[in-house]
Amino acid sequence: MTATRSVKPPALVLYQRDDCHLCDLALEELAAARVPEFESVFIDGDDLLESRYGTRVPVLRDNRRGAELDWPFDRDLLRRWCAMAMTVAFPAVAVPAAAAAEDVHLVKAVAPAPDWSGRTLDGIFAGDAIERIVLTKAVTSTTADRDFEAVRGLFARVEGPALGGRDTSASFLGTGSPDSTWEGLLMMRSGAIHAFAIGGDELCLHGAGGARACWQVDRATRSD
C-alpha cells in the first residue's frame, strides 16, 4: 500500500492576471523586499477567483493566518507585513534578515510599558498620523472601501480619556474578542505600529511598547 502524502498549500500566494501592469509592479516590489518564496496564481478563467479578486489584483495572501495584502504596497510595507507573518507562524524563530532593520515586537514589551490610563487618543498619537491600515478581521456587510472609511472615521472621532479600570488583555492581533467588528494594524507616519480592535462600544489599541487602552465609541458614529 502506497502512503499518500498530503500537499500543504504554499504559505504565500500572489493572485494576479495576465497582461496586468500592476501585477508586474507588485512582482518588482516583492523581489526588492526579498519576500520568501511564494506561488503566483492567475485568476483568469477561474470564476471563483474572479469573483473574489477580479477588482483587487494583485493581492498577496498569507495562508497561515488568512491575511491578505491588497495593492498598492511597496517594499517597506512588504517587509513589515512578512515580519508580522513570521511572528504569528513561528513565534520562537527570528524574522528574516531582510526585515531585521524594522523589527517590531507587538507581543511582549521590551521596556516598561507606557501608561495610557486616562489619556486621550490624540495625546497618544502626539501629532503622528495613520499612514496605512492593515485589516485582519472585518465582520461587516459592506465593501472593503467602506470598511477602511469606517475605521478611519472612528479613530478620527474618538474623544475623551481612555476607560479606567479596564483589563485589556491585548496581544499581537488579538486586541479584541470574537465579537470584534474590525481588527488589524495601524502603520503610523513615524514608523510606529499599533494593533487595534473595534467592537461593541469600544475601540482598543495595543502599542508596540506593551501599552494598551480602550475608548468608548458612540454607536451613532458606527457605520458597519
N, C-alpha and C. Protein backbone atom coordinates (compact mmCIF):
# COMPACT_ATOMS: atom_id res chain seq x y z
N MET A 1 0.85 -1.19 0.00
CA MET A 1 0.00 0.00 0.00
C MET A 1 0.88 1.23 0.00
N THR A 2 0.63 2.13 -0.91
CA THR A 2 1.44 3.33 -1.01
C THR A 2 0.86 4.43 -0.15
N ALA A 3 1.70 5.01 0.68
CA ALA A 3 1.24 6.08 1.55
C ALA A 3 0.98 7.33 0.72
N THR A 4 -0.09 8.03 1.07
CA THR A 4 -0.42 9.28 0.39
C THR A 4 0.10 10.45 1.20
N ARG A 5 0.91 11.25 0.58
CA ARG A 5 1.47 12.40 1.28
C ARG A 5 0.62 13.64 0.96
N SER A 6 0.13 14.26 2.04
CA SER A 6 -0.69 15.46 1.83
C SER A 6 0.18 16.63 1.38
N VAL A 7 -0.34 17.39 0.47
CA VAL A 7 0.39 18.54 -0.03
C VAL A 7 -0.17 19.80 0.62
N LYS A 8 0.66 20.49 1.37
CA LYS A 8 0.22 21.71 2.03
C LYS A 8 0.19 22.86 1.04
N PRO A 9 -0.80 23.75 1.16
CA PRO A 9 -0.82 24.92 0.28
C PRO A 9 0.37 25.82 0.60
N PRO A 10 0.88 26.54 -0.38
CA PRO A 10 2.01 27.42 -0.12
C PRO A 10 1.65 28.48 0.91
N ALA A 11 2.65 28.91 1.70
CA ALA A 11 2.38 29.90 2.73
C ALA A 11 1.94 31.22 2.12
N LEU A 12 2.62 31.66 1.06
CA LEU A 12 2.30 32.93 0.42
C LEU A 12 1.84 32.70 -1.01
N VAL A 13 0.79 33.39 -1.40
CA VAL A 13 0.26 33.29 -2.76
C VAL A 13 0.02 34.70 -3.29
N LEU A 14 0.52 34.97 -4.49
CA LEU A 14 0.23 36.23 -5.16
C LEU A 14 -0.83 35.97 -6.23
N TYR A 15 -2.01 36.54 -6.05
CA TYR A 15 -3.07 36.41 -7.04
C TYR A 15 -2.91 37.54 -8.06
N GLN A 16 -2.86 37.17 -9.34
CA GLN A 16 -2.67 38.15 -10.40
C GLN A 16 -3.40 37.68 -11.64
N ARG A 17 -3.25 38.41 -12.74
CA ARG A 17 -3.85 38.02 -14.01
C ARG A 17 -2.88 38.32 -15.14
N ASP A 18 -3.16 37.79 -16.31
CA ASP A 18 -2.34 38.04 -17.49
C ASP A 18 -2.45 39.51 -17.91
N ASP A 19 -1.37 40.01 -18.55
CA ASP A 19 -1.37 41.37 -19.08
C ASP A 19 -1.80 42.38 -18.02
N CYS A 20 -1.17 42.29 -16.87
CA CYS A 20 -1.52 43.15 -15.73
C CYS A 20 -0.30 43.98 -15.35
N HIS A 21 -0.33 45.27 -15.68
CA HIS A 21 0.81 46.13 -15.38
C HIS A 21 1.04 46.26 -13.88
N LEU A 22 -0.04 46.37 -13.11
CA LEU A 22 0.09 46.48 -11.65
C LEU A 22 0.71 45.22 -11.06
N CYS A 23 0.38 44.07 -11.66
CA CYS A 23 0.96 42.80 -11.19
C CYS A 23 2.46 42.78 -11.42
N ASP A 24 2.89 43.33 -12.55
CA ASP A 24 4.33 43.42 -12.83
C ASP A 24 5.01 44.31 -11.80
N LEU A 25 4.37 45.41 -11.45
CA LEU A 25 4.94 46.30 -10.43
C LEU A 25 5.00 45.60 -9.07
N ALA A 26 3.97 44.82 -8.77
CA ALA A 26 3.95 44.09 -7.50
C ALA A 26 5.09 43.08 -7.44
N LEU A 27 5.36 42.39 -8.54
CA LEU A 27 6.46 41.43 -8.59
C LEU A 27 7.79 42.12 -8.37
N GLU A 28 7.94 43.33 -8.90
CA GLU A 28 9.18 44.08 -8.69
C GLU A 28 9.36 44.42 -7.21
N GLU A 29 8.28 44.83 -6.55
CA GLU A 29 8.37 45.16 -5.13
C GLU A 29 8.63 43.92 -4.28
N LEU A 30 8.03 42.79 -4.64
CA LEU A 30 8.28 41.54 -3.93
C LEU A 30 9.74 41.13 -4.04
N ALA A 31 10.31 41.31 -5.22
CA ALA A 31 11.72 40.98 -5.41
C ALA A 31 12.61 41.92 -4.61
N ALA A 32 12.28 43.21 -4.63
CA ALA A 32 13.09 44.20 -3.91
C ALA A 32 13.03 43.98 -2.40
N ALA A 33 11.88 43.50 -1.91
CA ALA A 33 11.71 43.25 -0.47
C ALA A 33 12.26 41.90 -0.05
N ARG A 34 12.71 41.08 -1.03
CA ARG A 34 13.22 39.74 -0.75
C ARG A 34 12.20 38.91 0.03
N VAL A 35 10.97 38.98 -0.45
CA VAL A 35 9.90 38.21 0.18
C VAL A 35 10.18 36.72 0.03
N PRO A 36 9.93 35.92 1.08
CA PRO A 36 10.15 34.47 0.97
C PRO A 36 9.39 33.88 -0.21
N GLU A 37 9.74 32.67 -0.57
CA GLU A 37 9.15 32.01 -1.75
C GLU A 37 7.63 32.06 -1.71
N PHE A 38 7.04 32.40 -2.84
CA PHE A 38 5.59 32.47 -2.94
C PHE A 38 5.15 31.85 -4.26
N GLU A 39 3.86 31.52 -4.35
CA GLU A 39 3.30 30.95 -5.58
C GLU A 39 2.46 32.01 -6.29
N SER A 40 2.62 32.12 -7.59
CA SER A 40 1.79 33.00 -8.39
C SER A 40 0.58 32.24 -8.90
N VAL A 41 -0.60 32.76 -8.66
CA VAL A 41 -1.84 32.14 -9.12
C VAL A 41 -2.56 33.15 -10.02
N PHE A 42 -2.81 32.75 -11.27
CA PHE A 42 -3.50 33.61 -12.22
C PHE A 42 -5.00 33.32 -12.14
N ILE A 43 -5.79 34.36 -11.94
CA ILE A 43 -7.22 34.18 -11.71
C ILE A 43 -8.01 34.10 -13.01
N ASP A 44 -7.37 34.36 -14.16
CA ASP A 44 -8.07 34.37 -15.44
C ASP A 44 -8.78 33.03 -15.69
N GLY A 45 -10.09 33.09 -15.96
CA GLY A 45 -10.84 31.89 -16.31
C GLY A 45 -11.35 31.11 -15.12
N ASP A 46 -11.01 31.53 -13.89
CA ASP A 46 -11.49 30.84 -12.69
C ASP A 46 -12.61 31.69 -12.09
N ASP A 47 -13.85 31.24 -12.22
CA ASP A 47 -14.99 32.04 -11.79
C ASP A 47 -14.92 32.41 -10.31
N LEU A 48 -14.51 31.44 -9.48
CA LEU A 48 -14.45 31.70 -8.04
C LEU A 48 -13.41 32.77 -7.71
N LEU A 49 -12.20 32.62 -8.29
CA LEU A 49 -11.15 33.59 -8.03
C LEU A 49 -11.47 34.94 -8.66
N GLU A 50 -12.12 34.92 -9.82
CA GLU A 50 -12.51 36.17 -10.47
C GLU A 50 -13.48 36.96 -9.59
N SER A 51 -14.42 36.24 -8.99
CA SER A 51 -15.42 36.92 -8.16
C SER A 51 -14.80 37.49 -6.90
N ARG A 52 -13.74 36.85 -6.42
CA ARG A 52 -13.12 37.30 -5.16
C ARG A 52 -12.03 38.34 -5.38
N TYR A 53 -11.25 38.17 -6.45
CA TYR A 53 -10.08 39.03 -6.64
C TYR A 53 -10.12 39.86 -7.93
N GLY A 54 -11.19 39.73 -8.72
CA GLY A 54 -11.21 40.35 -10.03
C GLY A 54 -10.92 41.83 -10.03
N THR A 55 -11.43 42.57 -9.04
CA THR A 55 -11.22 44.01 -8.98
C THR A 55 -10.09 44.40 -8.04
N ARG A 56 -9.40 43.40 -7.48
CA ARG A 56 -8.41 43.70 -6.45
C ARG A 56 -6.98 43.38 -6.84
N VAL A 57 -6.77 42.50 -7.83
CA VAL A 57 -5.41 42.05 -8.12
C VAL A 57 -4.51 43.25 -8.43
N PRO A 58 -3.22 43.10 -8.04
CA PRO A 58 -2.61 41.95 -7.38
C PRO A 58 -2.88 41.94 -5.87
N VAL A 59 -3.02 40.73 -5.31
CA VAL A 59 -3.27 40.54 -3.89
C VAL A 59 -2.31 39.47 -3.37
N LEU A 60 -1.60 39.77 -2.29
CA LEU A 60 -0.72 38.79 -1.65
C LEU A 60 -1.46 38.20 -0.46
N ARG A 61 -1.55 36.86 -0.42
CA ARG A 61 -2.27 36.18 0.66
C ARG A 61 -1.32 35.33 1.47
N ASP A 62 -1.47 35.38 2.80
CA ASP A 62 -0.73 34.52 3.71
C ASP A 62 -1.69 33.44 4.20
N ASN A 63 -1.53 32.21 3.69
CA ASN A 63 -2.44 31.12 4.04
C ASN A 63 -2.33 30.69 5.50
N ARG A 64 -1.21 30.99 6.15
CA ARG A 64 -1.04 30.56 7.54
C ARG A 64 -1.99 31.29 8.48
N ARG A 65 -2.28 32.53 8.18
CA ARG A 65 -3.15 33.31 9.07
C ARG A 65 -4.37 33.88 8.37
N GLY A 66 -4.54 33.56 7.07
CA GLY A 66 -5.70 34.03 6.34
C GLY A 66 -5.72 35.52 6.08
N ALA A 67 -4.56 36.17 6.14
CA ALA A 67 -4.47 37.61 5.92
C ALA A 67 -4.13 37.90 4.47
N GLU A 68 -4.65 39.02 3.96
CA GLU A 68 -4.40 39.41 2.58
C GLU A 68 -3.94 40.86 2.52
N LEU A 69 -3.01 41.13 1.63
CA LEU A 69 -2.47 42.46 1.43
C LEU A 69 -2.79 42.90 0.01
N ASP A 70 -3.65 43.90 -0.10
CA ASP A 70 -4.07 44.40 -1.41
C ASP A 70 -3.09 45.43 -1.95
N TRP A 71 -2.99 45.50 -3.26
CA TRP A 71 -2.24 46.57 -3.91
C TRP A 71 -2.98 47.90 -3.68
N PRO A 72 -2.25 49.02 -3.45
CA PRO A 72 -0.81 49.17 -3.64
C PRO A 72 -0.02 48.83 -2.37
N PHE A 73 1.16 48.25 -2.57
CA PHE A 73 2.10 48.04 -1.48
C PHE A 73 3.51 48.25 -2.02
N ASP A 74 4.41 48.65 -1.13
CA ASP A 74 5.80 48.84 -1.53
C ASP A 74 6.69 47.91 -0.73
N ARG A 75 7.99 47.96 -0.98
CA ARG A 75 8.92 47.02 -0.34
C ARG A 75 8.97 47.18 1.18
N ASP A 76 8.83 48.43 1.68
CA ASP A 76 8.87 48.64 3.12
C ASP A 76 7.66 48.01 3.80
N LEU A 77 6.47 48.21 3.22
CA LEU A 77 5.27 47.59 3.78
C LEU A 77 5.35 46.08 3.70
N LEU A 78 5.89 45.55 2.59
CA LEU A 78 6.02 44.10 2.43
C LEU A 78 6.93 43.52 3.51
N ARG A 79 8.04 44.19 3.80
CA ARG A 79 8.96 43.67 4.83
C ARG A 79 8.26 43.61 6.18
N ARG A 80 7.52 44.66 6.51
CA ARG A 80 6.81 44.67 7.79
C ARG A 80 5.75 43.59 7.83
N TRP A 81 4.99 43.48 6.75
CA TRP A 81 3.90 42.51 6.71
C TRP A 81 4.42 41.09 6.82
N CYS A 82 5.51 40.79 6.13
CA CYS A 82 6.09 39.44 6.20
C CYS A 82 6.71 39.17 7.56
N ALA A 83 7.30 40.20 8.18
CA ALA A 83 7.85 40.02 9.52
C ALA A 83 6.75 39.70 10.51
N MET A 84 5.59 40.34 10.37
CA MET A 84 4.45 40.04 11.24
C MET A 84 3.96 38.62 11.03
N ALA A 85 3.95 38.20 9.77
CA ALA A 85 3.51 36.83 9.46
C ALA A 85 4.43 35.81 10.11
N MET A 86 5.74 36.07 10.09
CA MET A 86 6.69 35.15 10.71
C MET A 86 6.49 35.10 12.21
N THR A 87 6.18 36.25 12.83
CA THR A 87 5.95 36.30 14.27
C THR A 87 4.75 35.46 14.66
N VAL A 88 3.70 35.51 13.82
CA VAL A 88 2.50 34.74 14.11
C VAL A 88 2.72 33.25 13.89
N ALA A 89 3.37 32.89 12.77
CA ALA A 89 3.53 31.49 12.43
C ALA A 89 4.62 30.81 13.24
N PHE A 90 5.71 31.53 13.52
CA PHE A 90 6.86 30.95 14.22
C PHE A 90 7.30 31.90 15.32
N PRO A 91 6.55 32.00 16.43
CA PRO A 91 6.86 32.99 17.46
C PRO A 91 8.23 32.82 18.11
N ALA A 92 8.83 31.63 18.01
CA ALA A 92 10.13 31.42 18.65
C ALA A 92 11.28 31.54 17.67
N VAL A 93 10.98 31.87 16.41
CA VAL A 93 12.00 31.93 15.37
C VAL A 93 12.23 33.38 14.98
N ALA A 94 13.48 33.76 14.80
CA ALA A 94 13.80 35.12 14.41
C ALA A 94 13.28 35.40 13.01
N VAL A 95 12.93 36.66 12.76
CA VAL A 95 12.44 37.04 11.44
C VAL A 95 13.61 37.10 10.48
N PRO A 96 13.37 37.03 9.16
CA PRO A 96 14.44 37.05 8.19
C PRO A 96 15.28 38.32 8.28
N ALA A 97 16.52 38.22 7.83
CA ALA A 97 17.43 39.35 7.91
C ALA A 97 16.90 40.55 7.15
N ALA A 98 16.15 40.30 6.08
CA ALA A 98 15.63 41.40 5.26
C ALA A 98 14.73 42.32 6.07
N ALA A 99 14.10 41.79 7.13
CA ALA A 99 13.19 42.60 7.93
C ALA A 99 13.81 43.03 9.25
N ALA A 100 15.05 42.62 9.51
CA ALA A 100 15.65 42.86 10.82
C ALA A 100 15.78 44.33 11.14
N ALA A 101 15.95 45.17 10.13
CA ALA A 101 16.12 46.59 10.37
C ALA A 101 14.84 47.25 10.86
N GLU A 102 13.72 46.54 10.73
CA GLU A 102 12.44 47.11 11.12
C GLU A 102 11.73 46.20 12.11
N ASP A 103 12.48 45.56 12.99
CA ASP A 103 11.88 44.67 13.96
C ASP A 103 10.85 45.42 14.81
N VAL A 104 9.69 44.83 14.96
CA VAL A 104 8.65 45.38 15.82
C VAL A 104 8.05 44.23 16.61
N HIS A 105 8.14 44.29 17.93
CA HIS A 105 7.61 43.21 18.78
C HIS A 105 6.33 43.69 19.44
N LEU A 106 5.19 43.20 18.92
CA LEU A 106 3.90 43.58 19.47
C LEU A 106 3.37 42.55 20.46
N VAL A 107 4.18 41.56 20.79
CA VAL A 107 3.72 40.50 21.68
C VAL A 107 4.16 40.78 23.12
N LYS A 108 5.43 41.11 23.30
CA LYS A 108 5.97 41.33 24.63
C LYS A 108 6.63 42.71 24.70
N ALA A 109 6.43 43.37 25.80
CA ALA A 109 7.08 44.66 26.00
C ALA A 109 8.55 44.44 26.28
N VAL A 110 9.42 45.20 25.62
CA VAL A 110 10.86 45.08 25.86
C VAL A 110 11.33 46.16 26.81
N ALA A 111 10.43 47.00 27.26
CA ALA A 111 10.72 48.06 28.22
C ALA A 111 9.43 48.30 29.00
N PRO A 112 9.51 49.01 30.13
CA PRO A 112 8.28 49.31 30.86
C PRO A 112 7.24 49.93 29.94
N ALA A 113 6.05 49.38 29.94
CA ALA A 113 5.00 49.85 29.04
C ALA A 113 4.57 51.26 29.41
N PRO A 114 4.39 52.14 28.42
CA PRO A 114 3.87 53.48 28.71
C PRO A 114 2.50 53.38 29.38
N ASP A 115 2.20 54.33 30.25
CA ASP A 115 0.93 54.34 30.94
C ASP A 115 -0.07 55.15 30.13
N TRP A 116 -1.05 54.45 29.53
CA TRP A 116 -2.06 55.13 28.73
C TRP A 116 -3.34 55.40 29.51
N SER A 117 -3.39 55.05 30.79
CA SER A 117 -4.63 55.23 31.55
C SER A 117 -4.99 56.70 31.61
N GLY A 118 -6.25 56.97 31.29
CA GLY A 118 -6.74 58.33 31.36
C GLY A 118 -6.29 59.25 30.24
N ARG A 119 -5.56 58.73 29.26
CA ARG A 119 -5.06 59.58 28.18
C ARG A 119 -6.00 59.58 26.98
N THR A 120 -5.96 60.66 26.23
CA THR A 120 -6.76 60.73 25.02
C THR A 120 -5.99 60.11 23.87
N LEU A 121 -6.71 59.73 22.82
CA LEU A 121 -6.06 59.14 21.65
C LEU A 121 -5.16 60.17 20.97
N ASP A 122 -5.62 61.42 20.89
CA ASP A 122 -4.79 62.47 20.28
C ASP A 122 -3.49 62.64 21.06
N GLY A 123 -3.57 62.53 22.38
CA GLY A 123 -2.37 62.68 23.20
C GLY A 123 -1.39 61.56 22.97
N ILE A 124 -1.89 60.34 22.74
CA ILE A 124 -1.02 59.19 22.49
C ILE A 124 -0.36 59.31 21.13
N PHE A 125 -1.13 59.72 20.12
CA PHE A 125 -0.56 59.87 18.78
C PHE A 125 0.38 61.06 18.71
N ALA A 126 0.15 62.08 19.53
CA ALA A 126 1.06 63.22 19.67
C ALA A 126 1.52 63.79 18.33
N GLY A 127 0.56 64.10 17.49
CA GLY A 127 0.90 64.69 16.20
C GLY A 127 1.24 63.69 15.11
N ASP A 128 1.35 62.41 15.46
CA ASP A 128 1.59 61.38 14.46
C ASP A 128 0.29 61.15 13.68
N ALA A 129 0.37 60.47 12.56
CA ALA A 129 -0.82 60.24 11.73
C ALA A 129 -0.82 58.83 11.20
N ILE A 130 -2.04 58.30 10.98
CA ILE A 130 -2.19 56.96 10.41
C ILE A 130 -1.82 57.01 8.94
N GLU A 131 -0.81 56.23 8.55
CA GLU A 131 -0.39 56.20 7.15
C GLU A 131 -1.08 55.07 6.39
N ARG A 132 -1.17 53.89 7.03
CA ARG A 132 -1.83 52.74 6.41
C ARG A 132 -2.59 51.96 7.47
N ILE A 133 -3.68 51.35 7.03
CA ILE A 133 -4.43 50.43 7.88
C ILE A 133 -4.35 49.05 7.24
N VAL A 134 -3.99 48.05 8.01
CA VAL A 134 -3.98 46.66 7.54
C VAL A 134 -5.06 45.92 8.33
N LEU A 135 -6.16 45.59 7.66
CA LEU A 135 -7.25 44.89 8.33
C LEU A 135 -7.01 43.39 8.30
N THR A 136 -7.14 42.75 9.46
CA THR A 136 -7.02 41.31 9.56
C THR A 136 -8.36 40.66 9.89
N LYS A 137 -9.35 41.48 10.21
CA LYS A 137 -10.68 40.97 10.51
C LYS A 137 -11.69 42.07 10.20
N ALA A 138 -12.77 41.74 9.50
CA ALA A 138 -13.82 42.70 9.21
C ALA A 138 -15.14 41.95 9.13
N VAL A 139 -15.92 42.01 10.20
CA VAL A 139 -17.22 41.33 10.24
C VAL A 139 -18.28 42.37 9.90
N THR A 140 -18.44 42.64 8.61
CA THR A 140 -19.39 43.65 8.14
C THR A 140 -20.04 43.16 6.86
N SER A 141 -21.07 43.86 6.44
CA SER A 141 -21.76 43.52 5.19
C SER A 141 -21.49 44.57 4.12
N THR A 142 -20.48 45.40 4.34
CA THR A 142 -20.19 46.48 3.41
C THR A 142 -18.96 46.15 2.57
N THR A 143 -18.55 47.08 1.73
CA THR A 143 -17.40 46.86 0.85
C THR A 143 -16.10 47.15 1.58
N ALA A 144 -14.99 46.74 0.99
CA ALA A 144 -13.68 46.97 1.60
C ALA A 144 -13.42 48.45 1.77
N ASP A 145 -13.76 49.25 0.75
CA ASP A 145 -13.54 50.70 0.86
C ASP A 145 -14.30 51.29 2.03
N ARG A 146 -15.52 50.83 2.24
CA ARG A 146 -16.32 51.35 3.35
C ARG A 146 -15.76 50.91 4.69
N ASP A 147 -15.17 49.71 4.74
CA ASP A 147 -14.53 49.27 5.98
C ASP A 147 -13.42 50.24 6.38
N PHE A 148 -12.55 50.56 5.43
CA PHE A 148 -11.44 51.47 5.74
C PHE A 148 -11.98 52.85 6.10
N GLU A 149 -13.01 53.31 5.39
CA GLU A 149 -13.60 54.61 5.69
C GLU A 149 -14.17 54.63 7.11
N ALA A 150 -14.83 53.54 7.50
CA ALA A 150 -15.43 53.47 8.83
C ALA A 150 -14.36 53.46 9.92
N VAL A 151 -13.32 52.66 9.73
CA VAL A 151 -12.26 52.57 10.74
C VAL A 151 -11.56 53.91 10.90
N ARG A 152 -11.19 54.54 9.78
CA ARG A 152 -10.54 55.84 9.86
C ARG A 152 -11.45 56.87 10.54
N GLY A 153 -12.74 56.82 10.22
CA GLY A 153 -13.67 57.75 10.82
C GLY A 153 -13.79 57.57 12.32
N LEU A 154 -13.79 56.32 12.77
CA LEU A 154 -13.90 56.07 14.20
C LEU A 154 -12.67 56.57 14.95
N PHE A 155 -11.49 56.34 14.38
CA PHE A 155 -10.29 56.85 15.04
C PHE A 155 -10.29 58.37 15.08
N ALA A 156 -10.82 59.00 14.04
CA ALA A 156 -10.84 60.46 14.00
C ALA A 156 -11.83 61.04 14.99
N ARG A 157 -12.89 60.26 15.34
CA ARG A 157 -13.94 60.79 16.19
C ARG A 157 -13.84 60.40 17.65
N VAL A 158 -12.90 59.52 17.99
CA VAL A 158 -12.76 59.13 19.40
C VAL A 158 -12.35 60.33 20.23
N GLU A 159 -13.10 60.58 21.29
CA GLU A 159 -12.79 61.69 22.18
C GLU A 159 -12.76 61.20 23.62
N GLY A 160 -12.17 62.02 24.48
CA GLY A 160 -12.16 61.71 25.90
C GLY A 160 -11.03 60.79 26.29
N PRO A 161 -10.83 60.60 27.59
CA PRO A 161 -9.74 59.77 28.08
C PRO A 161 -10.04 58.28 27.95
N ALA A 162 -8.98 57.47 28.03
CA ALA A 162 -9.13 56.01 27.99
C ALA A 162 -9.98 55.56 29.18
N LEU A 163 -10.74 54.50 28.97
CA LEU A 163 -11.61 53.98 30.01
C LEU A 163 -10.78 53.48 31.18
N GLY A 164 -11.18 53.83 32.38
CA GLY A 164 -10.45 53.39 33.56
C GLY A 164 -10.89 52.03 34.02
N GLY A 165 -10.02 51.37 34.77
CA GLY A 165 -10.36 50.08 35.36
C GLY A 165 -10.55 48.97 34.36
N ARG A 166 -9.94 49.10 33.18
CA ARG A 166 -10.10 48.08 32.14
C ARG A 166 -8.92 47.13 32.14
N ASP A 167 -9.20 45.84 32.09
CA ASP A 167 -8.15 44.83 31.96
C ASP A 167 -8.11 44.40 30.50
N THR A 168 -7.39 45.15 29.68
CA THR A 168 -7.35 44.85 28.25
C THR A 168 -6.25 43.85 27.99
N SER A 169 -6.60 42.59 28.00
CA SER A 169 -5.61 41.52 27.80
C SER A 169 -5.27 41.41 26.33
N ALA A 170 -4.71 42.50 25.80
CA ALA A 170 -4.41 42.54 24.37
C ALA A 170 -3.11 41.80 24.07
N SER A 171 -3.03 41.28 22.89
CA SER A 171 -1.80 40.67 22.40
C SER A 171 -1.76 40.89 20.90
N PHE A 172 -0.66 40.54 20.27
CA PHE A 172 -0.50 40.80 18.84
C PHE A 172 -1.65 40.22 18.04
N LEU A 173 -2.37 41.08 17.34
CA LEU A 173 -3.52 40.70 16.52
C LEU A 173 -4.61 40.00 17.34
N GLY A 174 -4.60 40.23 18.64
CA GLY A 174 -5.64 39.65 19.48
C GLY A 174 -6.15 40.69 20.46
N THR A 175 -6.14 41.95 20.01
CA THR A 175 -6.52 43.04 20.90
C THR A 175 -7.97 42.92 21.35
N GLY A 176 -8.81 42.39 20.52
CA GLY A 176 -10.23 42.38 20.83
C GLY A 176 -10.74 41.02 21.28
N SER A 177 -11.91 40.67 20.80
CA SER A 177 -12.57 39.44 21.21
C SER A 177 -13.26 38.85 19.99
N PRO A 178 -13.87 37.67 20.13
CA PRO A 178 -14.60 37.10 18.99
C PRO A 178 -15.71 38.01 18.49
N ASP A 179 -16.13 38.98 19.32
CA ASP A 179 -17.21 39.88 18.92
C ASP A 179 -16.71 41.14 18.24
N SER A 180 -15.39 41.25 18.04
CA SER A 180 -14.86 42.44 17.39
C SER A 180 -15.38 42.57 15.96
N THR A 181 -15.69 43.80 15.57
CA THR A 181 -16.11 44.05 14.20
C THR A 181 -14.91 44.20 13.28
N TRP A 182 -13.89 44.94 13.73
CA TRP A 182 -12.66 45.11 12.96
C TRP A 182 -11.45 44.86 13.85
N GLU A 183 -10.44 44.22 13.30
CA GLU A 183 -9.14 44.11 13.96
C GLU A 183 -8.07 44.31 12.90
N GLY A 184 -6.93 44.79 13.33
CA GLY A 184 -5.85 44.99 12.38
C GLY A 184 -4.70 45.78 12.95
N LEU A 185 -3.95 46.42 12.06
CA LEU A 185 -2.76 47.18 12.43
C LEU A 185 -2.85 48.59 11.90
N LEU A 186 -2.34 49.52 12.68
CA LEU A 186 -2.16 50.89 12.23
C LEU A 186 -0.67 51.11 11.97
N MET A 187 -0.32 51.50 10.77
CA MET A 187 1.05 51.84 10.45
C MET A 187 1.14 53.36 10.41
N MET A 188 1.87 53.93 11.37
CA MET A 188 1.90 55.36 11.55
C MET A 188 2.99 56.00 10.69
N ARG A 189 2.82 57.29 10.45
CA ARG A 189 3.79 58.03 9.64
C ARG A 189 5.18 57.98 10.26
N SER A 190 5.26 57.93 11.60
CA SER A 190 6.54 57.90 12.30
C SER A 190 7.25 56.56 12.17
N GLY A 191 6.53 55.52 11.70
CA GLY A 191 7.08 54.17 11.63
C GLY A 191 6.57 53.27 12.73
N ALA A 192 5.87 53.84 13.74
CA ALA A 192 5.30 53.04 14.81
C ALA A 192 4.16 52.18 14.27
N ILE A 193 3.94 51.02 14.91
CA ILE A 193 2.86 50.12 14.51
C ILE A 193 2.04 49.78 15.75
N HIS A 194 0.74 49.93 15.64
CA HIS A 194 -0.18 49.61 16.73
C HIS A 194 -1.18 48.57 16.26
N ALA A 195 -1.54 47.63 17.13
CA ALA A 195 -2.65 46.72 16.86
C ALA A 195 -3.91 47.35 17.42
N PHE A 196 -5.06 47.08 16.76
CA PHE A 196 -6.31 47.66 17.24
C PHE A 196 -7.45 46.67 17.06
N ALA A 197 -8.51 46.92 17.81
CA ALA A 197 -9.76 46.16 17.65
C ALA A 197 -10.90 47.09 17.96
N ILE A 198 -11.98 46.96 17.19
CA ILE A 198 -13.18 47.77 17.39
C ILE A 198 -14.36 46.82 17.44
N GLY A 199 -15.13 46.90 18.51
CA GLY A 199 -16.28 46.03 18.65
C GLY A 199 -17.22 46.55 19.72
N GLY A 200 -18.50 46.34 19.53
CA GLY A 200 -19.47 46.83 20.51
C GLY A 200 -19.36 48.33 20.64
N ASP A 201 -19.10 48.80 21.84
CA ASP A 201 -18.99 50.23 22.10
C ASP A 201 -17.55 50.64 22.38
N GLU A 202 -16.58 49.80 22.03
CA GLU A 202 -15.21 50.10 22.40
C GLU A 202 -14.25 50.03 21.23
N LEU A 203 -13.25 50.88 21.29
CA LEU A 203 -12.11 50.87 20.38
C LEU A 203 -10.88 50.66 21.24
N CYS A 204 -10.14 49.58 21.01
CA CYS A 204 -8.98 49.26 21.82
C CYS A 204 -7.70 49.33 20.99
N LEU A 205 -6.64 49.78 21.63
CA LEU A 205 -5.36 49.97 20.95
C LEU A 205 -4.27 49.31 21.78
N HIS A 206 -3.32 48.66 21.09
CA HIS A 206 -2.20 48.00 21.74
C HIS A 206 -0.93 48.47 21.07
N GLY A 207 -0.07 49.14 21.83
CA GLY A 207 1.15 49.70 21.27
C GLY A 207 2.29 48.71 21.30
N ALA A 208 3.31 49.00 20.48
CA ALA A 208 4.47 48.12 20.40
C ALA A 208 5.21 48.03 21.71
N GLY A 209 5.12 49.06 22.55
CA GLY A 209 5.81 49.04 23.83
C GLY A 209 5.06 48.30 24.92
N GLY A 210 3.93 47.72 24.60
CA GLY A 210 3.16 46.97 25.59
C GLY A 210 2.00 47.74 26.18
N ALA A 211 1.92 49.04 25.90
CA ALA A 211 0.80 49.82 26.42
C ALA A 211 -0.49 49.41 25.72
N ARG A 212 -1.58 49.54 26.45
CA ARG A 212 -2.87 49.17 25.87
C ARG A 212 -3.97 49.97 26.57
N ALA A 213 -5.00 50.29 25.83
CA ALA A 213 -6.10 51.06 26.39
C ALA A 213 -7.31 50.94 25.48
N CYS A 214 -8.48 51.26 26.03
CA CYS A 214 -9.72 51.25 25.27
C CYS A 214 -10.46 52.57 25.48
N TRP A 215 -11.18 52.96 24.44
CA TRP A 215 -12.00 54.16 24.49
C TRP A 215 -13.42 53.81 24.10
N GLN A 216 -14.39 54.54 24.63
CA GLN A 216 -15.78 54.30 24.29
C GLN A 216 -16.08 54.88 22.91
N VAL A 217 -16.88 54.14 22.13
CA VAL A 217 -17.29 54.58 20.80
C VAL A 217 -18.79 54.78 20.82
N ASP A 218 -19.23 55.93 20.39
CA ASP A 218 -20.66 56.24 20.31
C ASP A 218 -21.29 55.41 19.20
N ARG A 219 -22.31 54.64 19.50
CA ARG A 219 -22.96 53.81 18.48
C ARG A 219 -23.44 54.62 17.29
N ALA A 220 -23.77 55.88 17.51
CA ALA A 220 -24.29 56.71 16.43
C ALA A 220 -23.24 56.98 15.37
N THR A 221 -21.94 56.81 15.72
CA THR A 221 -20.88 57.08 14.77
C THR A 221 -20.45 55.84 14.02
N ARG A 222 -20.95 54.66 14.42
CA ARG A 222 -20.55 53.43 13.76
C ARG A 222 -21.27 53.29 12.44
N SER A 223 -20.57 52.68 11.45
CA SER A 223 -21.17 52.54 10.12
C SER A 223 -21.00 51.14 9.57
N ASP A 224 -21.09 50.13 10.43
CA ASP A 224 -20.93 48.76 9.96
C ASP A 224 -22.29 48.13 9.71
